[in-house]
Protein backbone atom coordinates (compact mmCIF):
# COMPACT_ATOMS: atom_id res chain seq x y z
CA MET A 1 -68.38 251.70 78.70
CA ALA A 2 -66.99 249.26 81.24
CA THR A 3 -69.17 248.07 84.09
CA VAL A 4 -67.88 248.47 87.65
CA HIS A 5 -69.28 246.39 90.50
CA PHE A 6 -68.51 246.85 94.19
CA THR A 7 -68.97 244.18 96.85
CA ALA A 8 -71.84 244.57 99.30
CA HIS A 9 -69.23 244.87 102.07
CA LEU A 10 -68.54 248.38 100.77
CA ASP A 11 -72.20 249.41 101.16
CA GLY A 12 -72.33 252.97 102.39
CA ILE A 13 -69.13 254.10 100.68
CA ALA A 14 -69.65 252.53 97.24
CA PRO A 15 -72.55 252.16 94.83
CA THR A 16 -74.81 249.19 95.45
CA GLU A 17 -75.66 248.81 91.77
CA PRO A 18 -73.18 248.34 88.90
CA LEU A 19 -72.07 251.53 87.16
CA LYS A 20 -71.29 251.99 83.47
CA VAL A 21 -68.20 254.18 83.13
CA ASP A 22 -65.83 255.36 80.42
CA GLY A 23 -62.10 254.83 80.44
CA GLU A 24 -59.33 252.99 78.66
CA THR A 25 -57.84 251.53 81.85
CA VAL A 26 -59.22 250.41 85.19
CA VAL A 27 -57.92 253.51 86.96
CA GLU A 28 -59.55 255.75 84.35
CA ALA A 29 -62.83 253.91 84.78
CA LEU A 30 -62.63 254.17 88.57
CA SER A 31 -61.78 257.87 88.36
CA HIS A 32 -65.38 258.42 87.20
CA VAL A 33 -66.66 256.80 90.39
CA TRP A 34 -64.46 258.66 92.92
CA PRO A 35 -66.32 262.01 92.70
CA LEU A 36 -69.65 260.27 93.32
CA TYR A 37 -68.46 258.40 96.43
CA LYS A 38 -65.92 260.57 98.24
CA ARG A 39 -64.70 257.97 100.80
CA LEU A 40 -64.29 255.18 98.25
CA ARG A 41 -61.03 256.32 96.67
CA GLY A 42 -59.24 256.37 100.03
CA TYR A 43 -60.54 252.90 100.80
CA VAL A 44 -59.34 251.42 97.49
CA LEU A 45 -56.09 253.40 97.03
CA ASP A 46 -53.46 254.51 99.51
CA ASP A 47 -51.88 257.97 99.59
CA GLN A 48 -49.40 256.86 96.89
CA ASP A 49 -52.29 255.87 94.55
CA ARG A 50 -51.51 252.15 94.99
CA VAL A 51 -54.16 249.49 95.50
CA ARG A 52 -54.46 248.79 99.21
CA LYS A 53 -53.57 245.27 100.37
CA HIS A 54 -57.11 244.60 101.55
CA ILE A 55 -58.61 245.26 98.08
CA ALA A 56 -58.98 242.66 95.31
CA ILE A 57 -59.78 243.71 91.75
CA PHE A 58 -61.17 241.20 89.29
CA ILE A 59 -61.29 242.05 85.60
CA ASP A 60 -63.56 239.86 83.51
CA GLY A 61 -63.45 237.21 86.22
CA ASN A 62 -59.66 237.20 86.62
CA LEU A 63 -57.92 238.44 89.75
CA ILE A 64 -55.35 241.07 88.78
CA ARG A 65 -53.10 241.64 91.76
CA GLY A 66 -52.03 244.99 93.13
CA ASN A 67 -51.23 247.96 90.96
CA ALA A 68 -51.20 245.89 87.78
CA ALA A 69 -54.99 246.07 87.96
CA LEU A 70 -54.98 249.87 87.67
CA SER A 71 -53.22 249.97 84.31
CA HIS A 72 -55.13 247.01 82.90
CA PRO A 73 -56.94 247.99 79.68
CA VAL A 74 -60.73 247.89 79.56
CA SER A 75 -63.29 247.84 76.78
CA VAL A 76 -67.03 248.30 76.54
CA GLU A 77 -67.55 244.65 77.53
CA THR A 78 -65.20 244.72 80.53
CA GLU A 79 -66.58 243.81 83.95
CA ILE A 80 -64.59 245.22 86.87
CA HIS A 81 -65.29 243.87 90.36
CA VAL A 82 -63.79 245.62 93.38
CA LEU A 83 -63.90 243.56 96.55
CA GLN A 84 -62.69 243.67 100.08
CA ALA A 85 -60.03 240.96 100.23
CA LEU A 86 -60.37 238.83 103.33
CA SER A 87 -57.68 236.69 104.85
CA GLY A 88 -57.19 234.64 107.93
CA GLY A 89 -57.81 231.16 109.10
């Protein structure tokens, strides 16, 4: 089971504690979280099921940009971190 973490900035729409979830890819793992937190899917994915520009997904400490993150394979040791990407100066 992979472990999914959500940033504290998503408090209220995402779990505050890490979740252990099944799945062979990141999107499969996240699909186990969506039913538990109804607003979260729409915050992370757009209506075309693409990662929104304001979301960063790290897999085992590595930033995987955009939709490539969704198809990235996971294992029982995988740590997935979903964060609100901030930009500006």
